[in-house]
Amino acid sequence: MNGKANIMRSKLVILVFSIIIGCVFILSLFIEPPTILKSERRVPAKMPVLSTRTVASAEFMDKFENYAADSLPFRESLRTLHSISTFGLFMQTDKNGLYMDSHGVGKFKQIDIKSVEQLQSIIISIANGLDDINVYYSFIPDKSIYSENNLPGYDPALIEHLFIRNPEMAKYKFINLFEALNQTSFYSSDLHWNQVNLIDVLSKLSEEMGFTTDINQYIKEYAGEFQGVYAGQLALPISTDSMYYLSCLSISAMYLNVKEMKMEEAPVYDLDKFTGLDSYDIFLSGAQPLVIIENKTVSTDKELYLFRDSFSSSLAPLLANAYSKVILIDLRYIDLRTLNQLIEFNSGSDALFLYSSLVLNNADMLFVNTP
């Protein structure tokens, strides 16, 4: 009897599974696949080309698996169900590194020591070529450091030690931003810091670099409500963030037109991008290889060369009251040879290398060859 019962149970499981697969297949014939996965900030995988070559090389099945996952009917609902099960049913503390606390969502990260050492070599290589320039460097602590969950792994003291122990870095001044930030310095649903909460960061930089700036010249303006990249990855209904920005009438911005290789003027804050894939792109139009912010009302000719990632897009406008120009250089999108053809490094100016965990753990994304 037990043998027959087991056989019947197995047949029933196969039947139910086949019905589910069949229903999903039928639904996929009538439901249009998404053209963009907005919550994940990416375009879905395309249907691969079916040919003898792609089948023989297993390329078709590899790509079809991604296509099927991205085109699955009710995909977002299933992602939400998965997250609810992860935290509620199975009581896990994170989902693929994503965690939740009273301030919102973050992502647990560990330090890639080899990448940090590679970044040091890159900074040294560039800084050695900056004659008569005051060179500073710092890193932006990851928001997971400030979580009430007491997450291990991303130790700012270890990163500082890795930089300072290198005798070549001793020629340049390190700025520690750890105590200038806290949990509320970052958006609750995103990895980035919140511009209006960077006053302590600005004060620390001014103290160490010897400049003065007047935050009272800025006007706080409201952009809207948004949900950041971590909210999309987690796929749970969490509260939105309010995005404010600090505008100043005396500053303007120029951006590199990569097709024509010339600088063109555009807004410091591009509000049209607020409703795009990443609302944070309102700050200096998102990913840009070269941006020059100019302030003609300051009394100094001193310039700041800011080697940066996306975090500096919101910080740089606040620095523009201290320099005649703030030149933002993103080496993920421009190489040094091209850069040297576009800008001239003026003696007596400042250079700041400021990177977040995005680059600290992925230094090989920078277009710089080191010895």
Protein backbone atom coordinates (compact mmCIF):
# COMPACT_ATOMS: atom_id res chain seq x y z
CA MET A 1 0.00 0.00 0.00
CA ASN A 2 2.78 2.38 0.93
CA GLY A 3 4.43 1.81 -2.45
CA LYS A 4 1.22 2.63 -4.34
CA ALA A 5 0.63 5.69 -2.15
CA ASN A 6 4.12 6.99 -2.88
CA ILE A 7 3.61 6.47 -6.61
CA MET A 8 0.28 8.30 -6.50
CA ARG A 9 1.85 11.13 -4.48
CA SER A 10 4.69 11.47 -7.00
CA LYS A 11 2.25 11.51 -9.93
CA LEU A 12 0.17 14.16 -8.19
CA VAL A 13 3.25 16.36 -7.61
CA ILE A 14 4.26 15.97 -11.26
CA LEU A 15 0.71 16.81 -12.38
CA VAL A 16 0.50 19.94 -10.21
CA PHE A 17 3.95 21.08 -11.32
CA SER A 18 3.03 20.52 -14.99
CA ILE A 19 -0.20 22.50 -14.58
CA ILE A 20 1.69 25.42 -13.00
CA ILE A 21 4.30 25.41 -15.76
CA GLY A 22 1.59 25.17 -18.40
CA CYS A 23 -0.37 28.07 -16.91
CA VAL A 24 2.75 30.22 -16.72
CA PHE A 25 3.51 29.40 -20.37
CA ILE A 26 -0.02 30.26 -21.49
CA LEU A 27 0.01 33.52 -19.54
CA SER A 28 3.35 34.47 -21.09
CA LEU A 29 1.71 34.25 -24.53
CA PHE A 30 -0.82 36.93 -23.62
CA ILE A 31 1.13 39.16 -21.23
CA GLU A 32 3.66 41.46 -22.86
CA PRO A 33 7.11 41.19 -21.26
CA PRO A 34 8.36 44.44 -19.67
CA THR A 35 10.45 46.80 -21.77
CA ILE A 36 12.32 47.95 -18.68
CA LEU A 37 12.71 46.68 -15.12
CA LYS A 38 12.43 50.02 -13.37
CA SER A 39 12.72 48.70 -9.83
CA GLU A 40 16.04 47.06 -10.74
CA ARG A 41 17.27 49.95 -12.93
CA ARG A 42 17.97 47.78 -15.96
CA VAL A 43 16.69 46.55 -19.30
CA PRO A 44 15.38 42.95 -19.24
CA ALA A 45 17.24 40.21 -21.07
CA LYS A 46 16.22 39.72 -24.71
CA MET A 47 15.08 36.51 -26.36
CA PRO A 48 18.29 34.86 -27.68
CA VAL A 49 18.74 33.90 -31.31
CA LEU A 50 17.98 30.24 -31.94
CA SER A 51 20.57 28.66 -34.22
CA THR A 52 22.72 25.56 -34.50
CA ARG A 53 25.70 27.49 -33.17
CA THR A 54 23.95 28.95 -30.11
CA VAL A 55 22.41 25.58 -29.21
CA ALA A 56 25.67 23.66 -29.66
CA SER A 57 27.62 26.16 -27.53
CA ALA A 58 24.91 26.25 -24.84
CA GLU A 59 24.69 30.03 -25.40
CA PHE A 60 20.98 29.78 -26.22
CA MET A 61 20.01 28.04 -22.97
CA ASP A 62 22.20 30.33 -20.85
CA LYS A 63 20.61 33.45 -22.30
CA PHE A 64 17.12 31.94 -22.47
CA GLU A 65 17.25 31.28 -18.72
CA ASN A 66 17.85 35.00 -18.09
CA TYR A 67 15.15 35.96 -20.62
CA ALA A 68 12.61 33.60 -19.02
CA ALA A 69 13.34 34.95 -15.53
CA ASP A 70 12.99 38.58 -16.65
CA SER A 71 9.80 37.90 -18.64
CA LEU A 72 8.04 35.77 -16.03
CA PRO A 73 4.39 36.87 -15.53
CA PHE A 74 3.77 38.56 -12.15
CA ARG A 75 7.52 38.76 -11.70
CA GLU A 76 7.44 41.72 -9.30
CA SER A 77 4.79 40.07 -7.12
CA LEU A 78 6.86 36.90 -6.92
CA ARG A 79 9.96 38.92 -5.98
CA THR A 80 7.99 40.57 -3.18
CA LEU A 81 6.70 37.18 -1.99
CA HIS A 82 10.28 35.89 -1.94
CA SER A 83 11.44 38.82 0.22
CA ILE A 84 8.50 38.45 2.62
CA SER A 85 9.32 34.76 3.00
CA THR A 86 13.01 35.48 3.54
CA PHE A 87 12.48 37.96 6.38
CA GLY A 88 9.14 36.86 7.79
CA LEU A 89 8.91 33.10 7.33
CA PHE A 90 12.55 32.04 7.45
CA MET A 91 13.61 34.87 9.81
CA GLN A 92 16.80 35.62 7.90
CA THR A 93 18.67 38.86 8.66
CA ASP A 94 19.36 39.65 5.01
CA LYS A 95 18.43 38.77 1.45
CA ASN A 96 21.45 38.53 -0.86
CA GLY A 97 23.25 40.98 1.42
CA LEU A 98 20.31 43.40 1.70
CA TYR A 99 19.27 44.15 5.28
CA MET A 100 16.57 46.25 6.96
CA ASP A 101 16.70 48.35 10.12
CA SER A 102 14.66 51.21 11.57
CA HIS A 103 16.24 53.68 9.14
CA GLY A 104 15.55 51.68 5.98
CA VAL A 105 17.44 49.36 3.67
CA GLY A 106 21.16 48.84 3.17
CA LYS A 107 23.52 46.27 1.75
CA PHE A 108 26.12 44.39 3.75
CA LYS A 109 29.57 44.72 2.21
CA GLN A 110 33.04 43.47 2.95
CA ILE A 111 36.37 45.09 2.10
CA ASP A 112 38.30 43.91 -0.93
CA ILE A 113 41.83 44.55 0.32
CA LYS A 114 43.46 43.95 -3.07
CA SER A 115 41.12 46.47 -4.67
CA VAL A 116 41.91 49.07 -1.98
CA GLU A 117 45.62 48.55 -2.58
CA GLN A 118 45.05 48.89 -6.33
CA LEU A 119 43.22 52.17 -5.74
CA GLN A 120 46.19 53.42 -3.72
CA SER A 121 48.48 52.73 -6.68
CA ILE A 122 46.11 54.63 -8.95
CA ILE A 123 46.00 57.65 -6.64
CA ILE A 124 49.79 57.67 -6.31
CA SER A 125 50.24 57.38 -10.07
CA ILE A 126 47.98 60.37 -10.73
CA ALA A 127 49.06 62.51 -7.77
CA ASN A 128 52.74 62.19 -8.64
CA GLY A 129 51.99 63.97 -11.90
CA LEU A 130 50.19 66.90 -10.26
CA ASP A 131 53.00 69.44 -9.84
CA ASP A 132 52.46 72.18 -7.24
CA ILE A 133 48.96 70.86 -6.44
CA ASN A 134 47.79 70.27 -2.85
CA VAL A 135 46.66 66.62 -2.83
CA TYR A 136 44.09 65.24 -0.38
CA TYR A 137 42.37 61.88 -0.29
CA SER A 138 39.47 60.33 1.59
CA PHE A 139 36.86 57.61 1.34
CA ILE A 140 33.13 57.68 2.01
CA PRO A 141 32.18 55.13 4.69
CA ASP A 142 29.47 52.74 3.53
CA LYS A 143 26.06 53.30 5.15
CA SER A 144 26.11 49.72 6.54
CA ILE A 145 28.77 50.90 9.04
CA TYR A 146 26.16 53.02 10.81
CA SER A 147 23.43 50.36 10.93
CA GLU A 148 21.95 49.48 14.30
CA ASN A 149 22.37 45.84 13.26
CA ASN A 150 26.10 46.12 14.09
CA LEU A 151 27.15 44.55 10.80
CA PRO A 152 30.74 43.33 10.62
CA GLY A 153 32.99 43.40 7.58
CA TYR A 154 33.27 46.98 6.30
CA ASP A 155 35.68 48.35 8.90
CA PRO A 156 36.64 52.00 8.24
CA ALA A 157 39.62 51.71 10.58
CA LEU A 158 41.02 48.91 8.41
CA ILE A 159 40.61 50.99 5.23
CA GLU A 160 42.37 53.94 6.88
CA HIS A 161 45.17 51.62 8.01
CA LEU A 162 45.57 50.22 4.50
CA PHE A 163 46.02 53.74 3.14
CA ILE A 164 48.22 55.20 5.86
CA ARG A 165 50.60 52.24 6.10
CA ASN A 166 51.67 52.86 2.50
CA PRO A 167 54.70 55.20 2.70
CA GLU A 168 53.91 56.62 -0.75
CA MET A 169 50.57 57.91 0.55
CA ALA A 170 52.31 59.82 3.35
CA LYS A 171 53.04 62.65 0.90
CA TYR A 172 49.33 63.41 0.71
CA LYS A 173 46.85 64.39 3.41
CA PHE A 174 44.21 61.91 4.51
CA ILE A 175 40.79 63.24 5.62
CA ASN A 176 38.72 60.98 7.88
CA LEU A 177 34.98 61.46 7.27
CA PHE A 178 33.77 58.68 9.58
CA GLU A 179 32.57 60.93 12.41
CA ALA A 180 31.15 63.51 9.98
CA LEU A 181 28.51 60.99 8.88
CA ASN A 182 25.84 58.93 10.61
CA GLN A 183 22.82 56.82 9.75
CA THR A 184 20.69 59.83 8.82
CA SER A 185 23.32 61.12 6.38
CA PHE A 186 22.08 58.60 3.81
CA TYR A 187 18.76 58.06 2.08
CA SER A 188 16.78 55.27 3.75
CA SER A 189 16.10 53.42 0.46
CA ASP A 190 19.30 54.17 -1.45
CA LEU A 191 23.06 53.79 -1.12
CA HIS A 192 23.81 57.51 -1.64
CA TRP A 193 24.15 60.23 0.93
CA ASN A 194 21.58 63.00 1.28
CA GLN A 195 22.89 66.39 0.12
CA VAL A 196 21.03 68.42 2.74
CA ASN A 197 22.64 66.34 5.52
CA LEU A 198 26.25 66.91 4.42
CA ILE A 199 26.98 70.04 6.45
CA ASP A 200 29.32 68.17 8.81
CA VAL A 201 31.15 66.66 5.81
CA LEU A 202 31.53 70.12 4.32
CA SER A 203 32.86 71.45 7.64
CA LYS A 204 35.38 68.62 7.95
CA LEU A 205 36.68 69.15 4.42
CA SER A 206 36.94 72.92 4.94
CA GLU A 207 38.85 72.39 8.18
CA GLU A 208 41.35 69.99 6.62
CA MET A 209 41.71 71.70 3.23
CA GLY A 210 41.68 75.29 4.48
CA PHE A 211 38.79 76.73 2.50
CA THR A 212 35.70 78.63 3.63
CA THR A 213 32.17 78.36 2.27
CA ASP A 214 28.85 79.92 3.20
CA ILE A 215 25.99 77.43 3.19
CA ASN A 216 23.54 80.31 3.77
CA GLN A 217 23.92 81.26 0.11
CA TYR A 218 22.06 78.07 -0.83
CA ILE A 219 18.30 77.63 -1.06
CA LYS A 220 16.70 74.34 -0.02
CA GLU A 221 14.29 73.14 -2.69
CA TYR A 222 12.03 70.08 -2.93
CA ALA A 223 12.34 67.64 -5.84
CA GLY A 224 9.83 64.97 -4.82
CA GLU A 225 9.42 61.52 -3.28
CA PHE A 226 11.44 58.58 -4.58
CA GLN A 227 12.60 55.07 -3.81
CA GLY A 228 16.26 54.24 -4.24
CA VAL A 229 18.14 51.33 -5.70
CA TYR A 230 18.04 49.22 -2.52
CA ALA A 231 14.24 49.44 -2.38
CA GLY A 232 14.02 48.08 -5.92
CA GLN A 233 16.44 45.27 -5.19
CA LEU A 234 14.60 44.27 -2.02
CA ALA A 235 11.13 44.36 -3.69
CA LEU A 236 9.30 45.17 -0.46
CA PRO A 237 6.77 47.99 0.07
CA ILE A 238 8.85 50.47 2.08
CA SER A 239 8.41 54.18 2.65
CA THR A 240 9.74 56.73 0.16
CA ASP A 241 12.55 59.22 0.66
CA SER A 242 12.06 62.95 0.28
CA MET A 243 14.63 64.45 -2.05
CA TYR A 244 15.71 68.02 -1.44
CA TYR A 245 18.55 69.85 -3.15
CA LEU A 246 20.52 73.01 -2.35
CA SER A 247 20.58 75.51 -5.19
CA CYS A 248 22.80 78.57 -5.59
CA LEU A 249 22.22 81.18 -8.30
CA SER A 250 25.91 82.03 -8.69
CA ILE A 251 27.06 78.58 -9.88
CA SER A 252 26.81 77.05 -13.35
CA ALA A 253 27.90 73.75 -14.87
CA MET A 254 29.55 72.56 -18.08
CA TYR A 255 29.46 68.93 -19.22
CA LEU A 256 31.62 67.03 -21.71
CA ASN A 257 29.81 66.17 -24.93
CA VAL A 258 31.60 62.89 -25.66
CA LYS A 259 30.49 62.82 -29.30
CA GLU A 260 31.92 66.21 -30.17
CA MET A 261 34.52 66.26 -27.34
CA LYS A 262 33.63 69.73 -26.19
CA MET A 263 32.14 71.24 -23.04
CA GLU A 264 28.50 72.34 -23.09
CA GLU A 265 26.46 74.19 -20.49
CA ALA A 266 23.56 72.44 -18.76
CA PRO A 267 21.73 72.77 -15.40
CA VAL A 268 23.47 71.92 -12.13
CA TYR A 269 20.27 70.10 -11.13
CA ASP A 270 18.45 68.34 -13.96
CA LEU A 271 14.94 67.89 -12.56
CA ASP A 272 13.79 66.05 -15.69
CA LYS A 273 15.88 63.10 -14.54
CA PHE A 274 13.97 62.80 -11.27
CA THR A 275 11.33 60.61 -12.92
CA GLY A 276 13.94 58.51 -14.77
CA LEU A 277 15.51 55.24 -13.75
CA ASP A 278 17.56 56.83 -10.96
CA SER A 279 16.19 59.93 -9.24
CA TYR A 280 19.65 60.69 -7.84
CA ASP A 281 20.65 61.61 -11.40
CA ILE A 282 19.20 65.09 -10.85
CA PHE A 283 22.58 65.90 -9.30
CA LEU A 284 24.88 66.91 -12.18
CA SER A 285 22.93 64.75 -14.65
CA GLY A 286 24.12 61.40 -13.28
CA ALA A 287 27.08 59.54 -14.78
CA GLN A 288 29.39 62.04 -16.49
CA PRO A 289 33.08 61.74 -17.42
CA LEU A 290 33.90 65.41 -16.89
CA VAL A 291 31.93 68.25 -15.27
CA ILE A 292 33.11 71.78 -14.54
CA ILE A 293 31.18 73.81 -11.97
CA GLU A 294 32.05 77.49 -12.09
CA ASN A 295 31.41 80.26 -9.60
CA LYS A 296 32.30 83.72 -10.89
CA THR A 297 31.40 85.48 -7.63
CA VAL A 298 34.19 84.01 -5.47
CA SER A 299 37.32 86.05 -4.77
CA THR A 300 39.82 83.26 -5.47
CA ASP A 301 41.34 81.79 -8.63
CA LYS A 302 41.94 78.50 -6.86
CA GLU A 303 40.44 75.40 -8.49
CA LEU A 304 39.49 72.00 -7.09
CA TYR A 305 40.12 68.81 -9.08
CA LEU A 306 37.72 66.24 -7.65
CA PHE A 307 38.44 62.64 -8.65
CA ARG A 308 35.16 61.03 -7.82
CA ASP A 309 32.26 58.62 -8.20
CA SER A 310 28.51 59.30 -8.06
CA PHE A 311 28.52 60.48 -4.42
CA SER A 312 30.38 63.67 -5.33
CA SER A 313 27.60 64.72 -7.72
CA SER A 314 25.66 66.04 -4.73
CA LEU A 315 28.69 67.24 -2.75
CA ALA A 316 30.41 69.27 -5.49
CA PRO A 317 27.78 72.03 -5.76
CA LEU A 318 28.35 72.76 -2.06
CA LEU A 319 32.11 73.11 -2.68
CA ALA A 320 31.56 75.60 -5.50
CA ASN A 321 31.35 78.51 -3.04
CA ALA A 322 35.00 77.96 -2.07
CA TYR A 323 36.61 77.65 -5.51
CA SER A 324 36.45 79.46 -8.82
CA LYS A 325 35.98 76.07 -10.46
CA VAL A 326 35.24 72.57 -9.21
CA ILE A 327 36.30 70.09 -11.88
CA LEU A 328 34.78 66.65 -11.39
CA ILE A 329 36.69 63.78 -12.99
CA ASP A 330 35.16 60.31 -13.16
CA LEU A 331 37.85 57.90 -14.31
CA ARG A 332 35.24 55.20 -14.89
CA TYR A 333 34.23 57.08 -18.04
CA ILE A 334 37.34 58.96 -19.16
CA ASP A 335 41.02 58.04 -19.43
CA LEU A 336 43.91 60.25 -18.36
CA ARG A 337 45.18 60.87 -21.87
CA THR A 338 41.84 62.31 -22.96
CA LEU A 339 41.53 64.23 -19.69
CA ASN A 340 44.87 65.97 -20.16
CA GLN A 341 43.74 67.18 -23.58
CA LEU A 342 40.65 68.81 -22.09
CA ILE A 343 41.80 70.46 -18.86
CA GLU A 344 44.93 72.09 -17.45
CA PHE A 345 45.97 71.56 -13.85
CA ASN A 346 46.82 74.98 -12.39
CA SER A 347 49.54 75.20 -9.73
CA GLY A 348 48.46 76.23 -6.26
CA SER A 349 45.08 74.53 -6.64
CA ASP A 350 43.68 71.53 -4.73
CA ALA A 351 43.05 67.93 -5.75
CA LEU A 352 40.77 65.62 -3.78
CA PHE A 353 40.43 61.88 -4.38
CA LEU A 354 37.07 60.94 -2.84
CA TYR A 355 35.66 57.47 -3.37
CA SER A 356 32.90 55.34 -1.89
CA SER A 357 32.69 51.56 -1.56
CA LEU A 358 31.57 51.46 -5.21
CA VAL A 359 35.17 52.15 -6.28
CA LEU A 360 37.07 51.01 -3.18
CA ASN A 361 35.91 47.45 -3.87
CA ASN A 362 36.10 47.74 -7.68
CA ALA A 363 39.19 49.79 -8.46
CA ASP A 364 39.70 47.98 -11.77
CA MET A 365 36.75 49.93 -13.21
CA LEU A 366 38.96 53.04 -13.39
CA PHE A 367 40.67 53.77 -16.71
CA VAL A 368 44.16 54.10 -15.26
CA ASN A 369 47.22 51.95 -15.92
CA THR A 370 49.46 51.56 -12.88
CA PRO A 371 53.06 50.29 -12.76
